[in-house]
Amino acid sequence: MAPWIDLPYEIRDVTPEEDKIIKKCLIGYTKPFVKCGKNGYVMPAAFRKYAETIYNLEVRPDDIWVITFPRSGTTWTQEMVWLIENDLDFKAAKEKPLYARFPMLETTVQIPRVAFELIKANFMNLAYFQGLSNAVRNPSWKTIAETPSPRFIKTHLPLSLLPPKLLSTAKVIYVARDPRDVAVSYYYLHKMILKSLMRANFCHFWEAFRRDLLPWTPIVAHTNEAWENRHNPNLHFMFYEDMIKDLPKEIRAVCKFLDRKYSADKIEQLADYLSFNSLRKNKNVNNTTGKNGDVQFLRKGEAGGWKTHFDDKMKLQAEEFLSIRLRGLDLSYPSFPLYETECSHL
């Protein structure tokens, strides 16, 4: 067993003002949220208790991890990776929920028990939504630690909060998405689950998002950590927008990264299976809740949808938000080329 490693970063409470902004958007959290590391990643208070355990999780050479900021094509990528690694066994994929085949590392700290019970009281099927019920009873990282190899692991945590030997040991696939689309999708996820309990409108949610005051933010720093490691042979970096533009091409790239070979016909078959319309009908991928399954985990699967949700003021705020955070970085998004944006101000 490897020696225990103390956390190399600090965890501190957010300010009372920041906590108020966060809790205007989220319910059921009684303790102050925390910020982690030099980038100040926001997490629920429970993360403080378990951060060291997560940081010391044993990584195995045959692990495959999918890392994203929430609402960045995680589910889409998970199903793709699982099928590529399992000989395109569509039958097996439909027999077991994705969250059971590809569990999330930090689910247990994602929603505290009081919030879980509050939401479950309003949505009876939430006990099965994304495996939350299991994670409340048994720590998600413990379940992963006890899972036989090969393991498939999903996480929204940035690289700096994950086991330090991850990139030198396992295969990692990171997916990035335009933060403006992420903000919209992130809002609707909370709105669909919480319904009448959701106290914030999109303006409130966007304000918290652009101030990097929602769980797992700041998004640009999160993505940049992976971008800076994009040349590491154990990390494959993808953009959500490229998946929408040419899914077969992105599938071929993932196959190459995972050293899997499939015929052109098989690639097309997988791309068809992974089409958004197909996945929305797949109950083991598009996990639903609500009496009539009216809460859909997969929403629209589009790029640029933010334009119909942002007013002129928000559009300017978003441009400023991205320009400032991308300044000095090598990172840029396909839908937000920084050079062109800077030139537009000249």
Protein backbone atom coordinates (compact mmCIF):
# COMPACT_ATOMS: atom_id res chain seq x y z
CA MET A 1 0.00 0.00 0.00
CA ALA A 2 1.32 3.41 -0.97
CA PRO A 3 2.17 5.86 1.85
CA TRP A 4 -0.57 8.30 2.79
CA ILE A 5 -0.14 11.77 1.25
CA ASP A 6 -1.19 14.93 3.02
CA LEU A 7 -3.13 17.42 0.93
CA PRO A 8 -0.76 19.81 -0.88
CA TYR A 9 -3.46 22.47 -1.04
CA GLU A 10 -5.58 24.34 1.48
CA ILE A 11 -9.34 24.27 1.93
CA ARG A 12 -11.00 27.40 3.27
CA ASP A 13 -14.56 28.59 3.79
CA VAL A 14 -16.02 30.98 1.24
CA THR A 15 -16.89 34.42 2.59
CA PRO A 16 -20.37 34.94 4.08
CA GLU A 17 -21.28 37.07 1.04
CA GLU A 18 -20.13 34.36 -1.35
CA ASP A 19 -21.98 31.68 0.58
CA LYS A 20 -25.17 33.74 0.34
CA ILE A 21 -24.81 33.97 -3.46
CA ILE A 22 -24.25 30.22 -3.76
CA LYS A 23 -27.16 29.30 -1.53
CA LYS A 24 -29.48 31.54 -3.48
CA CYS A 25 -29.05 29.01 -6.29
CA LEU A 26 -28.73 25.76 -4.31
CA ILE A 27 -30.85 24.35 -1.51
CA GLY A 28 -30.34 21.97 1.42
CA TYR A 29 -26.80 23.05 2.30
CA THR A 30 -26.45 24.16 5.91
CA LYS A 31 -22.68 24.62 6.20
CA PRO A 32 -20.60 27.19 4.32
CA PHE A 33 -19.21 26.08 0.99
CA VAL A 34 -15.45 25.83 0.66
CA LYS A 35 -12.77 26.85 -1.82
CA CYS A 36 -9.94 24.44 -2.59
CA GLY A 37 -6.40 25.02 -3.79
CA LYS A 38 -4.82 28.03 -5.47
CA ASN A 39 -7.62 28.22 -8.05
CA GLY A 40 -10.29 28.27 -5.36
CA TYR A 41 -12.47 25.42 -6.64
CA VAL A 42 -15.86 25.63 -4.95
CA MET A 43 -17.19 22.52 -3.26
CA PRO A 44 -19.80 21.65 -0.61
CA ALA A 45 -18.51 21.68 2.97
CA ALA A 46 -18.47 17.86 3.06
CA PHE A 47 -15.56 17.87 0.64
CA ARG A 48 -13.28 19.14 3.41
CA LYS A 49 -13.81 15.90 5.32
CA TYR A 50 -13.13 13.56 2.41
CA ALA A 51 -10.69 15.47 0.19
CA GLU A 52 -7.66 13.64 1.54
CA THR A 53 -9.28 10.24 1.04
CA ILE A 54 -10.11 11.11 -2.56
CA TYR A 55 -6.58 12.45 -3.12
CA ASN A 56 -5.16 9.14 -1.85
CA LEU A 57 -7.40 6.84 -3.89
CA GLU A 58 -5.28 4.12 -5.45
CA VAL A 59 -5.10 4.53 -9.23
CA ARG A 60 -4.75 1.38 -11.31
CA PRO A 61 -2.97 1.07 -14.66
CA ASP A 62 -6.10 -0.26 -16.38
CA ASP A 63 -8.37 2.50 -15.07
CA ILE A 64 -10.09 4.79 -17.55
CA TRP A 65 -11.21 8.13 -16.19
CA VAL A 66 -13.53 10.65 -17.83
CA ILE A 67 -13.08 14.14 -16.40
CA THR A 68 -15.26 17.13 -17.23
CA PHE A 69 -16.78 20.19 -15.72
CA PRO A 70 -20.51 19.38 -15.18
CA ARG A 71 -22.76 19.55 -18.25
CA SER A 72 -19.90 19.27 -20.73
CA GLY A 73 -20.80 16.04 -22.51
CA THR A 74 -19.84 13.72 -19.66
CA THR A 75 -22.62 11.17 -20.14
CA TRP A 76 -22.13 11.16 -23.90
CA THR A 77 -18.41 10.49 -23.50
CA GLN A 78 -18.86 7.86 -20.80
CA GLU A 79 -21.14 5.77 -22.96
CA MET A 80 -18.76 6.11 -25.90
CA VAL A 81 -15.73 5.05 -23.86
CA TRP A 82 -17.50 2.14 -22.17
CA LEU A 83 -18.66 0.73 -25.50
CA ILE A 84 -15.26 1.17 -27.16
CA GLU A 85 -13.64 -0.70 -24.30
CA ASN A 86 -16.30 -3.42 -24.28
CA ASP A 87 -16.27 -4.46 -27.94
CA LEU A 88 -19.36 -2.41 -28.76
CA ASP A 89 -21.53 -4.66 -26.62
CA PHE A 90 -24.73 -2.64 -26.99
CA LYS A 91 -26.79 -5.39 -25.36
CA ALA A 92 -24.71 -5.29 -22.17
CA ALA A 93 -24.83 -1.50 -22.14
CA LYS A 94 -28.62 -1.59 -22.15
CA GLU A 95 -28.79 -4.08 -19.29
CA LYS A 96 -27.08 -1.92 -16.66
CA PRO A 97 -27.37 1.83 -15.92
CA LEU A 98 -24.42 3.94 -16.95
CA TYR A 99 -23.94 5.25 -13.40
CA ALA A 100 -23.38 1.64 -12.28
CA ARG A 101 -20.97 0.85 -15.12
CA PHE A 102 -19.16 4.16 -14.85
CA PRO A 103 -19.58 5.55 -11.29
CA MET A 104 -18.81 9.10 -10.24
CA LEU A 105 -15.99 9.57 -7.74
CA GLU A 106 -17.35 12.44 -5.63
CA THR A 107 -21.10 11.72 -5.72
CA THR A 108 -21.24 11.36 -1.93
CA VAL A 109 -20.11 14.96 -1.34
CA GLN A 110 -22.18 16.32 -4.22
CA ILE A 111 -25.49 16.43 -2.33
CA PRO A 112 -25.58 16.33 1.49
CA ARG A 113 -28.08 14.04 3.16
CA VAL A 114 -30.42 16.87 4.17
CA ALA A 115 -30.61 18.09 0.57
CA PHE A 116 -31.06 14.56 -0.72
CA GLU A 117 -33.97 13.89 1.63
CA LEU A 118 -35.56 17.24 0.77
CA ILE A 119 -35.40 16.61 -2.96
CA LYS A 120 -36.40 12.95 -2.67
CA ALA A 121 -39.54 14.00 -0.80
CA ASN A 122 -40.58 15.92 -3.90
CA PHE A 123 -39.38 13.43 -6.50
CA MET A 124 -39.91 9.83 -5.49
CA ASN A 125 -37.78 8.44 -8.31
CA LEU A 126 -34.74 10.45 -7.27
CA ALA A 127 -33.55 7.50 -5.22
CA TYR A 128 -32.43 6.02 -8.53
CA PHE A 129 -31.35 9.25 -10.21
CA GLN A 130 -27.66 8.95 -11.21
CA GLY A 131 -27.08 6.50 -8.35
CA LEU A 132 -27.47 9.17 -5.65
CA SER A 133 -29.26 6.85 -3.24
CA ASN A 134 -26.41 4.33 -3.24
CA ALA A 135 -23.85 7.08 -2.75
CA VAL A 136 -25.68 8.44 0.29
CA ARG A 137 -25.57 5.01 1.94
CA ASN A 138 -22.03 4.08 0.90
CA PRO A 139 -19.23 6.54 0.03
CA SER A 140 -18.80 6.64 -3.73
CA TRP A 141 -15.00 6.47 -3.53
CA LYS A 142 -15.22 3.39 -1.31
CA THR A 143 -17.44 1.71 -3.90
CA ILE A 144 -14.90 2.57 -6.59
CA ALA A 145 -12.00 1.33 -4.47
CA GLU A 146 -13.78 -2.01 -4.07
CA THR A 147 -14.67 -2.34 -7.76
CA PRO A 148 -12.71 -5.02 -9.62
CA SER A 149 -10.58 -4.01 -12.60
CA PRO A 150 -10.90 -2.69 -15.19
CA ARG A 151 -12.61 0.33 -13.68
CA PHE A 152 -14.37 3.19 -15.40
CA ILE A 153 -14.44 6.35 -13.28
CA LYS A 154 -16.21 9.65 -13.84
CA THR A 155 -15.37 12.84 -11.97
CA HIS A 156 -15.97 16.57 -12.21
CA LEU A 157 -12.99 17.34 -9.99
CA PRO A 158 -10.06 19.13 -11.63
CA LEU A 159 -6.73 17.35 -11.95
CA SER A 160 -5.17 19.23 -9.03
CA LEU A 161 -7.70 17.75 -6.57
CA LEU A 162 -7.29 14.19 -7.86
CA PRO A 163 -4.68 11.52 -7.00
CA PRO A 164 -1.25 12.88 -8.01
CA LYS A 165 -0.24 9.73 -9.90
CA LEU A 166 -3.37 9.72 -12.07
CA LEU A 167 -1.77 10.89 -15.34
CA SER A 168 1.31 8.73 -14.89
CA THR A 169 -0.76 5.62 -14.23
CA ALA A 170 -4.16 5.56 -15.94
CA LYS A 171 -5.87 6.74 -19.12
CA VAL A 172 -7.76 10.02 -18.80
CA ILE A 173 -10.22 11.61 -21.23
CA TYR A 174 -11.10 15.24 -20.65
CA VAL A 175 -14.00 17.00 -22.38
CA ALA A 176 -14.35 20.80 -22.46
CA ARG A 177 -17.35 22.89 -23.52
CA ASP A 178 -18.09 26.57 -24.10
CA PRO A 179 -18.72 27.92 -20.56
CA ARG A 180 -21.73 29.91 -21.78
CA ASP A 181 -23.52 26.74 -22.89
CA VAL A 182 -22.39 25.03 -19.69
CA ALA A 183 -23.98 27.78 -17.59
CA VAL A 184 -27.33 27.33 -19.34
CA SER A 185 -27.29 23.53 -19.11
CA TYR A 186 -26.12 23.64 -15.49
CA TYR A 187 -29.03 25.93 -14.63
CA TYR A 188 -31.60 23.70 -16.30
CA LEU A 189 -30.23 20.63 -14.53
CA HIS A 190 -30.96 22.25 -11.18
CA LYS A 191 -34.25 23.64 -12.39
CA MET A 192 -35.47 20.25 -13.67
CA ILE A 193 -34.54 18.42 -10.48
CA LEU A 194 -35.63 21.06 -7.99
CA LYS A 195 -38.64 22.47 -9.86
CA SER A 196 -40.64 24.58 -7.40
CA LEU A 197 -37.80 24.39 -4.87
CA MET A 198 -35.47 26.27 -7.22
CA ARG A 199 -35.24 29.77 -5.77
CA ALA A 200 -33.00 31.33 -8.39
CA ASN A 201 -33.81 32.43 -11.91
CA PHE A 202 -31.21 32.28 -14.67
CA CYS A 203 -29.99 35.80 -13.90
CA HIS A 204 -29.15 34.73 -10.34
CA PHE A 205 -27.54 31.53 -11.57
CA TRP A 206 -25.46 33.32 -14.20
CA GLU A 207 -24.27 35.84 -11.61
CA ALA A 208 -23.01 33.01 -9.39
CA PHE A 209 -21.47 31.21 -12.35
CA ARG A 210 -19.59 34.22 -13.71
CA ARG A 211 -18.28 34.97 -10.23
CA ASP A 212 -16.97 31.38 -10.02
CA LEU A 213 -19.35 30.62 -7.14
CA LEU A 214 -20.96 27.32 -8.11
CA PRO A 215 -19.69 23.80 -7.35
CA TRP A 216 -16.60 22.82 -9.36
CA THR A 217 -16.01 26.38 -10.62
CA PRO A 218 -13.87 28.15 -11.81
CA ILE A 219 -14.54 26.45 -15.13
CA VAL A 220 -11.74 28.02 -17.17
CA ALA A 221 -9.07 27.10 -14.62
CA HIS A 222 -10.59 23.60 -14.46
CA THR A 223 -10.26 23.18 -18.23
CA ASN A 224 -6.85 24.81 -18.41
CA GLU A 225 -5.39 22.26 -16.00
CA ALA A 226 -6.23 19.54 -18.51
CA TRP A 227 -5.27 21.67 -21.52
CA GLU A 228 -1.78 22.17 -20.11
CA ASN A 229 -1.45 18.37 -19.95
CA ARG A 230 -2.88 17.71 -23.42
CA HIS A 231 0.46 16.39 -24.69
CA ASN A 232 0.69 13.82 -21.91
CA PRO A 233 0.34 10.40 -23.62
CA ASN A 234 -2.14 9.32 -20.95
CA LEU A 235 -4.53 12.25 -21.49
CA HIS A 236 -6.87 12.77 -24.43
CA PHE A 237 -8.42 16.24 -24.65
CA MET A 238 -11.69 16.82 -26.52
CA PHE A 239 -14.09 19.68 -27.15
CA TYR A 240 -17.83 19.09 -26.94
CA GLU A 241 -18.32 21.29 -30.01
CA ASP A 242 -16.04 19.00 -32.05
CA MET A 243 -18.13 16.00 -31.00
CA ILE A 244 -21.25 17.72 -32.32
CA LYS A 245 -19.47 18.74 -35.52
CA ASP A 246 -18.02 15.33 -36.43
CA LEU A 247 -18.78 12.54 -33.96
CA PRO A 248 -17.25 9.68 -36.03
CA LYS A 249 -13.96 11.61 -36.19
CA GLU A 250 -13.92 12.06 -32.42
CA ILE A 251 -14.78 8.39 -31.90
CA ARG A 252 -11.83 7.39 -34.08
CA ALA A 253 -9.54 9.63 -32.03
CA VAL A 254 -10.72 8.03 -28.77
CA CYS A 255 -10.26 4.56 -30.28
CA LYS A 256 -6.69 5.44 -31.20
CA PHE A 257 -6.03 6.78 -27.71
CA LEU A 258 -7.39 3.59 -26.14
CA ASP A 259 -5.61 1.41 -28.69
CA ARG A 260 -8.86 -0.06 -30.00
CA LYS A 261 -9.52 -0.75 -33.67
CA TYR A 262 -12.93 -0.89 -35.31
CA SER A 263 -14.03 -0.92 -38.94
CA ALA A 264 -15.58 2.15 -40.55
CA ASP A 265 -18.98 0.43 -40.40
CA LYS A 266 -18.61 -0.19 -36.67
CA ILE A 267 -17.60 3.42 -36.08
CA GLU A 268 -20.71 4.59 -37.93
CA GLN A 269 -22.84 2.14 -35.95
CA LEU A 270 -21.46 3.52 -32.70
CA ALA A 271 -21.98 7.11 -33.86
CA ASP A 272 -25.60 6.32 -34.69
CA TYR A 273 -26.10 4.72 -31.29
CA LEU A 274 -24.56 7.78 -29.65
CA SER A 275 -26.74 10.25 -31.54
CA PHE A 276 -28.58 12.55 -29.19
CA ASN A 277 -32.03 11.32 -30.23
CA SER A 278 -30.95 7.76 -29.60
CA LEU A 279 -29.45 8.46 -26.19
CA ARG A 280 -32.51 10.40 -25.03
CA LYS A 281 -34.56 7.22 -25.55
CA ASN A 282 -32.03 5.07 -23.70
CA LYS A 283 -33.20 4.85 -20.07
CA ASN A 284 -29.87 3.43 -18.90
CA VAL A 285 -28.07 6.55 -20.15
CA ASN A 286 -30.69 9.29 -19.93
CA ASN A 287 -31.54 8.59 -16.32
CA THR A 288 -34.87 10.24 -15.52
CA THR A 289 -36.94 11.14 -12.51
CA GLY A 290 -40.37 12.60 -11.83
CA LYS A 291 -43.64 10.67 -11.98
CA ASN A 292 -43.69 10.56 -15.76
CA GLY A 293 -39.96 10.61 -16.31
CA ASP A 294 -40.33 14.29 -17.12
CA VAL A 295 -36.92 15.23 -15.70
CA GLN A 296 -34.46 14.35 -18.44
CA PHE A 297 -30.76 14.23 -17.58
CA LEU A 298 -29.95 14.77 -21.25
CA ARG A 299 -31.49 18.04 -22.38
CA LYS A 300 -30.78 19.37 -25.90
CA GLY A 301 -27.26 18.37 -26.85
CA GLU A 302 -26.47 21.49 -28.83
CA ALA A 303 -23.79 24.14 -29.22
CA GLY A 304 -24.59 27.84 -29.10
CA GLY A 305 -27.91 27.52 -27.29
CA TRP A 306 -26.72 30.13 -24.80
CA LYS A 307 -27.49 32.86 -27.36
CA THR A 308 -31.23 32.47 -26.75
CA HIS A 309 -30.82 32.78 -22.97
CA PHE A 310 -28.41 35.72 -22.65
CA ASP A 311 -29.64 39.28 -23.00
CA ASP A 312 -27.27 41.95 -24.33
CA LYS A 313 -25.89 42.69 -20.88
CA MET A 314 -25.18 39.01 -20.21
CA LYS A 315 -23.49 38.63 -23.59
CA LEU A 316 -21.09 41.44 -22.76
CA GLN A 317 -20.52 39.99 -19.29
CA ALA A 318 -19.78 36.60 -20.81
CA GLU A 319 -17.29 38.05 -23.28
CA GLU A 320 -15.54 39.87 -20.47
CA PHE A 321 -15.67 36.79 -18.26
CA LEU A 322 -13.97 34.62 -20.89
CA SER A 323 -11.52 37.26 -22.13
CA ILE A 324 -10.21 37.98 -18.64
CA ARG A 325 -9.89 34.34 -17.61
CA LEU A 326 -8.29 33.23 -20.87
CA ARG A 327 -5.81 36.11 -20.95
CA GLY A 328 -2.28 34.81 -20.80
CA LEU A 329 -3.37 31.21 -21.37
CA ASP A 330 -2.72 29.04 -24.39
CA LEU A 331 -6.26 27.72 -24.06
CA SER A 332 -9.10 28.91 -26.30
CA TYR A 333 -12.50 27.45 -27.11
CA PRO A 334 -13.56 26.62 -30.70
CA SER A 335 -16.64 28.81 -30.20
CA PHE A 336 -14.68 31.65 -28.57
CA PRO A 337 -11.42 32.32 -30.45
CA LEU A 338 -9.69 34.76 -28.13
CA TYR A 339 -7.59 36.43 -30.84
CA GLU A 340 -10.65 37.46 -32.84
CA THR A 341 -12.34 38.76 -29.69
CA GLU A 342 -9.35 40.89 -28.77
CA CYS A 343 -9.12 42.25 -32.30
CA SER A 344 -12.78 43.29 -32.21
CA HIS A 345 -11.89 45.82 -29.52
CA LEU A 346 -9.10 47.43 -31.54
